[in-house]
Amino acid sequence: MSTRPHSDDLPVRRIDRVLAFMSLGLLVLSIACFVAIMIGSASGADFGSGIWPTVGVTVYIAPILAFVMLMTVLVMSFVRRARANRDH
């Protein structure tokens, strides 16, 4: 049985969807980099050269950016709902 959305529901905008998926992608990238560092440590890799410094920085920066993107989506959603409720 399908349910129809309420007429009061606001549609999801493209920017909200893009920011949410970018945030998820950054979190997945950060986890992948963390696992790569764990595997590199176990195999005795040289973390001072090659792509390893970038991988190390990604582990620190990506979760923060993902959090900021999610907070941006949340604030934009609250503002849009407040404006819609004020107009009605």
C-alpha atoms as a PDB file:
ATOM      1  CA  MET A   1       0.000   0.000   0.000  1.00  0.00           C
ATOM      2  CA  SER A   2       1.539   3.266  -1.062  1.00  0.00           C
ATOM      3  CA  THR A   3       1.151   6.474   0.830  1.00  0.00           C
ATOM      4  CA  ARG A   4       1.059   9.868  -0.762  1.00  0.00           C
ATOM      5  CA  PRO A   5       3.187  12.627   0.708  1.00  0.00           C
ATOM      6  CA  HIS A   6       1.400  15.290   2.675  1.00  0.00           C
ATOM      7  CA  SER A   7       0.804  18.556   0.910  1.00  0.00           C
ATOM      8  CA  ASP A   8       2.696  20.290   3.752  1.00  0.00           C
ATOM      9  CA  ASP A   9       5.931  18.398   3.002  1.00  0.00           C
ATOM     10  CA  LEU A  10       8.578  20.366   1.198  1.00  0.00           C
ATOM     11  CA  PRO A  11      10.391  18.718  -1.704  1.00  0.00           C
ATOM     12  CA  VAL A  12      14.038  17.836  -1.272  1.00  0.00           C
ATOM     13  CA  ARG A  13      16.165  20.268  -3.214  1.00  0.00           C
ATOM     14  CA  ARG A  14      19.093  19.225  -5.352  1.00  0.00           C
ATOM     15  CA  ILE A  15      21.634  21.111  -3.220  1.00  0.00           C
ATOM     16  CA  ASP A  16      20.454  19.258  -0.115  1.00  0.00           C
ATOM     17  CA  ARG A  17      20.867  15.926  -1.851  1.00  0.00           C
ATOM     18  CA  VAL A  18      24.297  16.861  -3.240  1.00  0.00           C
ATOM     19  CA  LEU A  19      25.603  18.039   0.140  1.00  0.00           C
ATOM     20  CA  ALA A  20      24.283  14.923   1.889  1.00  0.00           C
ATOM     21  CA  PHE A  21      25.893  12.544  -0.606  1.00  0.00           C
ATOM     22  CA  MET A  22      29.160  14.506  -0.606  1.00  0.00           C
ATOM     23  CA  SER A  23      29.209  14.250   3.168  1.00  0.00           C
ATOM     24  CA  LEU A  24      28.651  10.511   2.996  1.00  0.00           C
ATOM     25  CA  GLY A  25      31.354  10.186   0.354  1.00  0.00           C
ATOM     26  CA  LEU A  26      33.854  12.080   2.493  1.00  0.00           C
ATOM     27  CA  LEU A  27      33.111   9.825   5.454  1.00  0.00           C
ATOM     28  CA  VAL A  28      33.624   6.712   3.329  1.00  0.00           C
ATOM     29  CA  LEU A  29      36.864   8.184   1.943  1.00  0.00           C
ATOM     30  CA  SER A  30      38.073   8.926   5.457  1.00  0.00           C
ATOM     31  CA  ILE A  31      37.362   5.383   6.620  1.00  0.00           C
ATOM     32  CA  ALA A  32      39.112   3.969   3.543  1.00  0.00           C
ATOM     33  CA  CYS A  33      42.160   6.142   4.232  1.00  0.00           C
ATOM     34  CA  PHE A  34      42.176   5.042   7.874  1.00  0.00           C
ATOM     35  CA  VAL A  35      42.117   1.392   6.823  1.00  0.00           C
ATOM     36  CA  ALA A  36      44.902   2.081   4.307  1.00  0.00           C
ATOM     37  CA  ILE A  37      47.020   3.611   7.079  1.00  0.00           C
ATOM     38  CA  MET A  38      46.406   0.572   9.272  1.00  0.00           C
ATOM     39  CA  ILE A  39      47.426  -1.770   6.452  1.00  0.00           C
ATOM     40  CA  GLY A  40      50.431   0.413   5.604  1.00  0.00           C
ATOM     41  CA  SER A  41      51.555   0.401   9.228  1.00  0.00           C
ATOM     42  CA  ALA A  42      51.336  -3.370   9.392  1.00  0.00           C
ATOM     43  CA  SER A  43      53.334  -3.745   6.181  1.00  0.00           C
ATOM     44  CA  GLY A  44      56.010  -1.222   7.182  1.00  0.00           C
ATOM     45  CA  ALA A  45      55.317   1.488   4.609  1.00  0.00           C
ATOM     46  CA  ASP A  46      57.274   4.750   4.566  1.00  0.00           C
ATOM     47  CA  PHE A  47      54.672   7.372   5.501  1.00  0.00           C
ATOM     48  CA  GLY A  48      56.936  10.308   4.711  1.00  0.00           C
ATOM     49  CA  SER A  49      56.873   9.897   0.935  1.00  0.00           C
ATOM     50  CA  GLY A  50      54.516   9.158  -1.903  1.00  0.00           C
ATOM     51  CA  ILE A  51      50.786   9.539  -1.394  1.00  0.00           C
ATOM     52  CA  TRP A  52      50.896   8.727   2.325  1.00  0.00           C
ATOM     53  CA  PRO A  53      51.015  12.329   3.606  1.00  0.00           C
ATOM     54  CA  THR A  54      47.836  13.080   1.618  1.00  0.00           C
ATOM     55  CA  VAL A  55      46.171   9.959   2.991  1.00  0.00           C
ATOM     56  CA  GLY A  56      47.134  11.000   6.509  1.00  0.00           C
ATOM     57  CA  VAL A  57      45.745  14.504   6.133  1.00  0.00           C
ATOM     58  CA  THR A  58      42.530  13.163   4.588  1.00  0.00           C
ATOM     59  CA  VAL A  59      41.823  11.165   7.744  1.00  0.00           C
ATOM     60  CA  TYR A  60      41.845  14.397   9.757  1.00  0.00           C
ATOM     61  CA  ILE A  61      40.143  16.806   7.344  1.00  0.00           C
ATOM     62  CA  ALA A  62      37.398  14.711   5.682  1.00  0.00           C
ATOM     63  CA  PRO A  63      35.272  13.995   8.796  1.00  0.00           C
ATOM     64  CA  ILE A  64      35.302  17.672   9.746  1.00  0.00           C
ATOM     65  CA  LEU A  65      34.184  18.721   6.257  1.00  0.00           C
ATOM     66  CA  ALA A  66      31.509  16.007   6.261  1.00  0.00           C
ATOM     67  CA  PHE A  67      30.176  17.288   9.590  1.00  0.00           C
ATOM     68  CA  VAL A  68      30.101  20.868   8.325  1.00  0.00           C
ATOM     69  CA  MET A  69      28.207  19.760   5.203  1.00  0.00           C
ATOM     70  CA  LEU A  70      25.635  17.866   7.263  1.00  0.00           C
ATOM     71  CA  MET A  71      25.151  20.853   9.552  1.00  0.00           C
ATOM     72  CA  THR A  72      24.697  23.051   6.486  1.00  0.00           C
ATOM     73  CA  VAL A  73      21.986  20.737   5.161  1.00  0.00           C
ATOM     74  CA  LEU A  74      20.313  20.713   8.570  1.00  0.00           C
ATOM     75  CA  VAL A  75      20.327  24.503   8.928  1.00  0.00           C
ATOM     76  CA  MET A  76      19.097  25.000   5.358  1.00  0.00           C
ATOM     77  CA  SER A  77      16.291  22.540   6.004  1.00  0.00           C
ATOM     78  CA  PHE A  78      15.227  24.275   9.240  1.00  0.00           C
ATOM     79  CA  VAL A  79      15.292  27.697   7.585  1.00  0.00           C
ATOM     80  CA  ARG A  80      13.258  26.473   4.618  1.00  0.00           C
ATOM     81  CA  ARG A  81      10.667  24.841   6.891  1.00  0.00           C
ATOM     82  CA  ALA A  82      10.437  27.942   9.071  1.00  0.00           C
ATOM     83  CA  ARG A  83       9.828  30.122   6.030  1.00  0.00           C
ATOM     84  CA  ALA A  84       7.200  27.710   4.702  1.00  0.00           C
ATOM     85  CA  ASN A  85       5.398  27.599   8.054  1.00  0.00           C
ATOM     86  CA  ARG A  86       5.515  31.378   8.405  1.00  0.00           C
ATOM     87  CA  ASP A  87       3.906  31.817   4.970  1.00  0.00           C
ATOM     88  CA  HIS A  88       1.007  29.507   5.838  1.00  0.00           C
END
